[in-house]
PDB file of N, CA and C in Angstrom:
ATOM      1  N   MET A   1       2.620 -17.340 -11.475  1.00  0.00           N
ATOM      2  CA  MET A   1       2.563 -16.132 -10.683  1.00  0.00           C
ATOM      3  C   MET A   1       1.417 -16.278  -9.675  1.00  0.00           C
ATOM      4  N   ARG A   2       1.695 -15.894  -8.462  1.00  0.00           N
ATOM      5  CA  ARG A   2       0.676 -15.872  -7.402  1.00  0.00           C
ATOM      6  C   ARG A   2       0.429 -14.430  -7.001  1.00  0.00           C
ATOM      7  N   ILE A   3      -0.825 -14.097  -6.786  1.00  0.00           N
ATOM      8  CA  ILE A   3      -1.194 -12.744  -6.369  1.00  0.00           C
ATOM      9  C   ILE A   3      -1.917 -12.839  -5.036  1.00  0.00           C
ATOM     10  N   PHE A   4      -1.489 -12.038  -4.078  1.00  0.00           N
ATOM     11  CA  PHE A   4      -2.110 -11.981  -2.759  1.00  0.00           C
ATOM     12  C   PHE A   4      -2.818 -10.633  -2.628  1.00  0.00           C
ATOM     13  N   LEU A   5      -4.064 -10.660  -2.240  1.00  0.00           N
ATOM     14  CA  LEU A   5      -4.811  -9.435  -1.955  1.00  0.00           C
ATOM     15  C   LEU A   5      -5.002  -9.370  -0.451  1.00  0.00           C
ATOM     16  N   CYS A   6      -4.572  -8.278   0.147  1.00  0.00           N
ATOM     17  CA  CYS A   6      -4.619  -8.156   1.601  1.00  0.00           C
ATOM     18  C   CYS A   6      -5.286  -6.843   1.981  1.00  0.00           C
ATOM     19  N   ARG A   7      -6.109  -6.908   2.971  1.00  0.00           N
ATOM     20  CA  ARG A   7      -6.728  -5.702   3.508  1.00  0.00           C
ATOM     21  C   ARG A   7      -5.906  -5.256   4.715  1.00  0.00           C
ATOM     22  N   HIS A   8      -5.837  -3.972   4.928  1.00  0.00           N
ATOM     23  CA  HIS A   8      -5.073  -3.433   6.052  1.00  0.00           C
ATOM     24  C   HIS A   8      -5.627  -3.931   7.378  1.00  0.00           C
ATOM     25  N   GLY A   9      -4.824  -3.839   8.411  1.00  0.00           N
ATOM     26  CA  GLY A   9      -5.251  -4.208   9.760  1.00  0.00           C
ATOM     27  C   GLY A   9      -6.108  -3.123  10.384  1.00  0.00           C
ATOM     28  N   GLN A  10      -6.396  -3.290  11.654  1.00  0.00           N
ATOM     29  CA  GLN A  10      -7.269  -2.363  12.385  1.00  0.00           C
ATOM     30  C   GLN A  10      -6.709  -0.943  12.357  1.00  0.00           C
ATOM     31  N   THR A  11      -7.612   0.025  12.195  1.00  0.00           N
ATOM     32  CA  THR A  11      -7.215   1.436  12.189  1.00  0.00           C
ATOM     33  C   THR A  11      -7.892   2.177  13.336  1.00  0.00           C
ATOM     34  N   THR A  12      -7.458   3.399  13.537  1.00  0.00           N
ATOM     35  CA  THR A  12      -8.083   4.217  14.577  1.00  0.00           C
ATOM     36  C   THR A  12      -9.554   4.456  14.271  1.00  0.00           C
ATOM     37  N   GLY A  13      -9.911   4.556  13.000  1.00  0.00           N
ATOM     38  CA  GLY A  13     -11.315   4.722  12.623  1.00  0.00           C
ATOM     39  C   GLY A  13     -12.154   3.509  12.994  1.00  0.00           C
ATOM     40  N   ASP A  14     -11.544   2.321  12.935  1.00  0.00           N
ATOM     41  CA  ASP A  14     -12.271   1.100  13.305  1.00  0.00           C
ATOM     42  C   ASP A  14     -12.647   1.118  14.781  1.00  0.00           C
ATOM     43  N   ILE A  15     -11.725   1.508  15.631  1.00  0.00           N
ATOM     44  CA  ILE A  15     -12.023   1.468  17.065  1.00  0.00           C
ATOM     45  C   ILE A  15     -12.900   2.642  17.500  1.00  0.00           C
ATOM     46  N   GLU A  16     -12.921   3.689  16.680  1.00  0.00           N
ATOM     47  CA  GLU A  16     -13.807   4.817  16.970  1.00  0.00           C
ATOM     48  C   GLU A  16     -15.169   4.630  16.313  1.00  0.00           C
ATOM     49  N   ASP A  17     -15.379   3.482  15.671  1.00  0.00           N
ATOM     50  CA  ASP A  17     -16.639   3.111  15.035  1.00  0.00           C
ATOM     51  C   ASP A  17     -17.066   4.132  13.976  1.00  0.00           C
ATOM     52  N   ARG A  18     -16.075   4.622  13.233  1.00  0.00           N
ATOM     53  CA  ARG A  18     -16.389   5.541  12.137  1.00  0.00           C
ATOM     54  C   ARG A  18     -16.681   4.746  10.879  1.00  0.00           C
ATOM     55  N   TYR A  19     -17.546   5.258  10.062  1.00  0.00           N
ATOM     56  CA  TYR A  19     -17.877   4.622   8.793  1.00  0.00           C
ATOM     57  C   TYR A  19     -16.652   4.644   7.893  1.00  0.00           C
ATOM     58  N   GLY A  20     -16.367   3.530   7.241  1.00  0.00           N
ATOM     59  CA  GLY A  20     -15.213   3.440   6.343  1.00  0.00           C
ATOM     60  C   GLY A  20     -15.356   4.362   5.147  1.00  0.00           C
ATOM     61  N   GLY A  21     -14.275   4.560   4.476  1.00  0.00           N
ATOM     62  CA  GLY A  21     -14.319   5.417   3.302  1.00  0.00           C
ATOM     63  C   GLY A  21     -12.993   6.082   3.061  1.00  0.00           C
ATOM     64  N   SER A  22     -13.017   7.340   2.759  1.00  0.00           N
ATOM     65  CA  SER A  22     -11.813   8.021   2.309  1.00  0.00           C
ATOM     66  C   SER A  22     -10.992   8.655   3.431  1.00  0.00           C
ATOM     67  N   TYR A  23     -11.359   8.406   4.686  1.00  0.00           N
ATOM     68  CA  TYR A  23     -10.524   8.940   5.760  1.00  0.00           C
ATOM     69  C   TYR A  23      -9.149   8.289   5.695  1.00  0.00           C
ATOM     70  N   ASP A  24      -8.153   8.945   6.212  1.00  0.00           N
ATOM     71  CA  ASP A  24      -6.768   8.478   6.065  1.00  0.00           C
ATOM     72  C   ASP A  24      -6.148   8.278   7.447  1.00  0.00           C
ATOM     73  N   ASP A  25      -6.497   7.180   8.100  1.00  0.00           N
ATOM     74  CA  ASP A  25      -6.042   6.898   9.463  1.00  0.00           C
ATOM     75  C   ASP A  25      -4.848   5.961   9.501  1.00  0.00           C
ATOM     76  N   HIS A  26      -4.172   5.990  10.634  1.00  0.00           N
ATOM     77  CA  HIS A  26      -3.052   5.084  10.892  1.00  0.00           C
ATOM     78  C   HIS A  26      -3.557   3.755  11.428  1.00  0.00           C
ATOM     79  N   LEU A  27      -2.690   2.756  11.345  1.00  0.00           N
ATOM     80  CA  LEU A  27      -2.973   1.488  11.995  1.00  0.00           C
ATOM     81  C   LEU A  27      -2.878   1.676  13.502  1.00  0.00           C
ATOM     82  N   THR A  28      -3.674   0.924  14.239  1.00  0.00           N
ATOM     83  CA  THR A  28      -3.556   0.896  15.695  1.00  0.00           C
ATOM     84  C   THR A  28      -2.444  -0.095  16.057  1.00  0.00           C
ATOM     85  N   ASP A  29      -2.144  -0.217  17.337  1.00  0.00           N
ATOM     86  CA  ASP A  29      -1.182  -1.235  17.772  1.00  0.00           C
ATOM     87  C   ASP A  29      -1.650  -2.622  17.352  1.00  0.00           C
ATOM     88  N   GLU A  30      -2.966  -2.858  17.459  1.00  0.00           N
ATOM     89  CA  GLU A  30      -3.528  -4.148  17.025  1.00  0.00           C
ATOM     90  C   GLU A  30      -3.367  -4.324  15.517  1.00  0.00           C
ATOM     91  N   GLY A  31      -3.589  -3.267  14.759  1.00  0.00           N
ATOM     92  CA  GLY A  31      -3.424  -3.319  13.304  1.00  0.00           C
ATOM     93  C   GLY A  31      -1.987  -3.606  12.906  1.00  0.00           C
ATOM     94  N   ILE A  32      -1.050  -3.045  13.649  1.00  0.00           N
ATOM     95  CA  ILE A  32       0.366  -3.317  13.396  1.00  0.00           C
ATOM     96  C   ILE A  32       0.670  -4.780  13.684  1.00  0.00           C
ATOM     97  N   LYS A  33       0.142  -5.291  14.791  1.00  0.00           N
ATOM     98  CA  LYS A  33       0.355  -6.705  15.127  1.00  0.00           C
ATOM     99  C   LYS A  33      -0.268  -7.602  14.062  1.00  0.00           C
ATOM    100  N   GLN A  34      -1.463  -7.267  13.594  1.00  0.00           N
ATOM    101  CA  GLN A  34      -2.107  -8.050  12.544  1.00  0.00           C
ATOM    102  C   GLN A  34      -1.242  -8.062  11.281  1.00  0.00           C
ATOM    103  N   SER A  35      -0.659  -6.914  10.957  1.00  0.00           N
ATOM    104  CA  SER A  35       0.206  -6.813   9.786  1.00  0.00           C
ATOM    105  C   SER A  35       1.478  -7.632   9.973  1.00  0.00           C
ATOM    106  N   GLU A  36       2.042  -7.600  11.167  1.00  0.00           N
ATOM    107  CA  GLU A  36       3.235  -8.396  11.460  1.00  0.00           C
ATOM    108  C   GLU A  36       2.933  -9.888  11.387  1.00  0.00           C
ATOM    109  N   ASP A  37       1.770 -10.285  11.880  1.00  0.00           N
ATOM    110  CA  ASP A  37       1.357 -11.692  11.794  1.00  0.00           C
ATOM    111  C   ASP A  37       1.217 -12.124  10.333  1.00  0.00           C
ATOM    112  N   LEU A  38       0.604 -11.285   9.516  1.00  0.00           N
ATOM    113  CA  LEU A  38       0.451 -11.596   8.102  1.00  0.00           C
ATOM    114  C   LEU A  38       1.823 -11.655   7.424  1.00  0.00           C
ATOM    115  N   ALA A  39       2.692 -10.724   7.757  1.00  0.00           N
ATOM    116  CA  ALA A  39       4.038 -10.720   7.184  1.00  0.00           C
ATOM    117  C   ALA A  39       4.766 -12.023   7.492  1.00  0.00           C
ATOM    118  N   GLU A  40       4.604 -12.512   8.700  1.00  0.00           N
ATOM    119  CA  GLU A  40       5.233 -13.779   9.090  1.00  0.00           C
ATOM    120  C   GLU A  40       4.675 -14.932   8.254  1.00  0.00           C
ATOM    121  N   LYS A  41       3.366 -14.933   8.038  1.00  0.00           N
ATOM    122  CA  LYS A  41       2.741 -15.995   7.241  1.00  0.00           C
ATOM    123  C   LYS A  41       3.193 -15.944   5.779  1.00  0.00           C
ATOM    124  N   LEU A  42       3.454 -14.743   5.284  1.00  0.00           N
ATOM    125  CA  LEU A  42       3.853 -14.573   3.882  1.00  0.00           C
ATOM    126  C   LEU A  42       5.366 -14.615   3.680  1.00  0.00           C
ATOM    127  N   LYS A  43       6.101 -14.767   4.745  1.00  0.00           N
ATOM    128  CA  LYS A  43       7.563 -14.643   4.721  1.00  0.00           C
ATOM    129  C   LYS A  43       8.229 -15.487   3.634  1.00  0.00           C
ATOM    130  N   LYS A  44       7.795 -16.699   3.458  1.00  0.00           N
ATOM    131  CA  LYS A  44       8.436 -17.615   2.510  1.00  0.00           C
ATOM    132  C   LYS A  44       7.672 -17.722   1.192  1.00  0.00           C
ATOM    133  N   SER A  45       6.804 -16.776   0.921  1.00  0.00           N
ATOM    134  CA  SER A  45       5.984 -16.850  -0.292  1.00  0.00           C
ATOM    135  C   SER A  45       6.692 -16.297  -1.529  1.00  0.00           C
ATOM    136  N   GLY A  46       7.832 -15.664  -1.353  1.00  0.00           N
ATOM    137  CA  GLY A  46       8.588 -15.155  -2.498  1.00  0.00           C
ATOM    138  C   GLY A  46       8.039 -13.875  -3.100  1.00  0.00           C
ATOM    139  N   ILE A  47       7.439 -13.044  -2.291  1.00  0.00           N
ATOM    140  CA  ILE A  47       6.878 -11.784  -2.793  1.00  0.00           C
ATOM    141  C   ILE A  47       7.990 -10.940  -3.421  1.00  0.00           C
ATOM    142  N   GLN A  48       7.720 -10.485  -4.640  1.00  0.00           N
ATOM    143  CA  GLN A  48       8.703  -9.668  -5.357  1.00  0.00           C
ATOM    144  C   GLN A  48       8.264  -8.217  -5.502  1.00  0.00           C
ATOM    145  N   LYS A  49       6.992  -7.981  -5.553  1.00  0.00           N
ATOM    146  CA  LYS A  49       6.459  -6.621  -5.709  1.00  0.00           C
ATOM    147  C   LYS A  49       5.281  -6.436  -4.769  1.00  0.00           C
ATOM    148  N   ILE A  50       5.156  -5.228  -4.252  1.00  0.00           N
ATOM    149  CA  ILE A  50       4.012  -4.867  -3.427  1.00  0.00           C
ATOM    150  C   ILE A  50       3.411  -3.587  -4.000  1.00  0.00           C
ATOM    151  N   TYR A  51       2.124  -3.652  -4.290  1.00  0.00           N
ATOM    152  CA  TYR A  51       1.389  -2.485  -4.761  1.00  0.00           C
ATOM    153  C   TYR A  51       0.386  -2.115  -3.681  1.00  0.00           C
ATOM    154  N   THR A  52       0.255  -0.834  -3.409  1.00  0.00           N
ATOM    155  CA  THR A  52      -0.648  -0.394  -2.350  1.00  0.00           C
ATOM    156  C   THR A  52      -1.304   0.931  -2.730  1.00  0.00           C
ATOM    157  N   SER A  53      -2.379   1.225  -2.069  1.00  0.00           N
ATOM    158  CA  SER A  53      -3.003   2.528  -2.279  1.00  0.00           C
ATOM    159  C   SER A  53      -2.144   3.597  -1.588  1.00  0.00           C
ATOM    160  N   SER A  54      -2.510   4.827  -1.774  1.00  0.00           N
ATOM    161  CA  SER A  54      -1.751   5.929  -1.176  1.00  0.00           C
ATOM    162  C   SER A  54      -2.194   6.241   0.254  1.00  0.00           C
ATOM    163  N   LEU A  55      -3.182   5.505   0.768  1.00  0.00           N
ATOM    164  CA  LEU A  55      -3.655   5.760   2.134  1.00  0.00           C
ATOM    165  C   LEU A  55      -2.618   5.307   3.163  1.00  0.00           C
ATOM    166  N   ILE A  56      -2.526   6.058   4.243  1.00  0.00           N
ATOM    167  CA  ILE A  56      -1.530   5.792   5.282  1.00  0.00           C
ATOM    168  C   ILE A  56      -1.622   4.363   5.801  1.00  0.00           C
ATOM    169  N   ARG A  57      -2.818   3.906   6.089  1.00  0.00           N
ATOM    170  CA  ARG A  57      -2.990   2.563   6.660  1.00  0.00           C
ATOM    171  C   ARG A  57      -2.472   1.489   5.717  1.00  0.00           C
ATOM    172  N   ALA A  58      -2.694   1.651   4.427  1.00  0.00           N
ATOM    173  CA  ALA A  58      -2.212   0.680   3.445  1.00  0.00           C
ATOM    174  C   ALA A  58      -0.697   0.743   3.315  1.00  0.00           C
ATOM    175  N   LYS A  59      -0.143   1.944   3.322  1.00  0.00           N
ATOM    176  CA  LYS A  59       1.315   2.097   3.245  1.00  0.00           C
ATOM    177  C   LYS A  59       2.004   1.498   4.466  1.00  0.00           C
ATOM    178  N   GLU A  60       1.405   1.718   5.653  1.00  0.00           N
ATOM    179  CA  GLU A  60       1.984   1.160   6.875  1.00  0.00           C
ATOM    180  C   GLU A  60       1.998  -0.364   6.817  1.00  0.00           C
ATOM    181  N   MET A  61       0.896  -0.949   6.376  1.00  0.00           N
ATOM    182  CA  MET A  61       0.835  -2.407   6.301  1.00  0.00           C
ATOM    183  C   MET A  61       1.815  -2.943   5.263  1.00  0.00           C
ATOM    184  N   SER A  62       1.875  -2.334   4.090  1.00  0.00           N
ATOM    185  CA  SER A  62       2.777  -2.834   3.057  1.00  0.00           C
ATOM    186  C   SER A  62       4.236  -2.681   3.465  1.00  0.00           C
ATOM    187  N   SER A  63       4.535  -1.641   4.223  1.00  0.00           N
ATOM    188  CA  SER A  63       5.894  -1.456   4.733  1.00  0.00           C
ATOM    189  C   SER A  63       6.290  -2.595   5.671  1.00  0.00           C
ATOM    190  N   ILE A  64       5.365  -2.990   6.533  1.00  0.00           N
ATOM    191  CA  ILE A  64       5.629  -4.088   7.474  1.00  0.00           C
ATOM    192  C   ILE A  64       5.824  -5.393   6.700  1.00  0.00           C
ATOM    193  N   ILE A  65       4.974  -5.651   5.736  1.00  0.00           N
ATOM    194  CA  ILE A  65       5.096  -6.885   4.951  1.00  0.00           C
ATOM    195  C   ILE A  65       6.388  -6.870   4.139  1.00  0.00           C
ATOM    196  N   GLY A  66       6.741  -5.713   3.587  1.00  0.00           N
ATOM    197  CA  GLY A  66       7.936  -5.592   2.769  1.00  0.00           C
ATOM    198  C   GLY A  66       9.246  -5.790   3.509  1.00  0.00           C
ATOM    199  N   LYS A  67       9.232  -5.640   4.812  1.00  0.00           N
ATOM    200  CA  LYS A  67      10.454  -5.834   5.603  1.00  0.00           C
ATOM    201  C   LYS A  67      10.851  -7.293   5.715  1.00  0.00           C
ATOM    202  N   ASN A  68       9.907  -8.196   5.485  1.00  0.00           N
ATOM    203  CA  ASN A  68      10.188  -9.633   5.624  1.00  0.00           C
ATOM    204  C   ASN A  68      10.586 -10.247   4.327  1.00  0.00           C
TER     205      ASN A  68
END
C-alpha cells in the first residue's frame, strides 16, 4: 500500500497574505492549476481512496485529483 499526503494548492488567503488556520477559502486559479498538475502526476498511481478534510480548499483539490 502506498499513501500520498498532499497539501492543497494556493488559496485566496495565500494571495491576501492572511495567516493560515481555520479560515475556509477556495482555491485560486493558480491553486486549481497546481491541483491539476498534481492530478496529472498521480494519474497512473492507482489511487483507490481519497480522504480529505471538510475545508473547501481541500475538497476542491481532492475533487480535481479524483477525476483522474
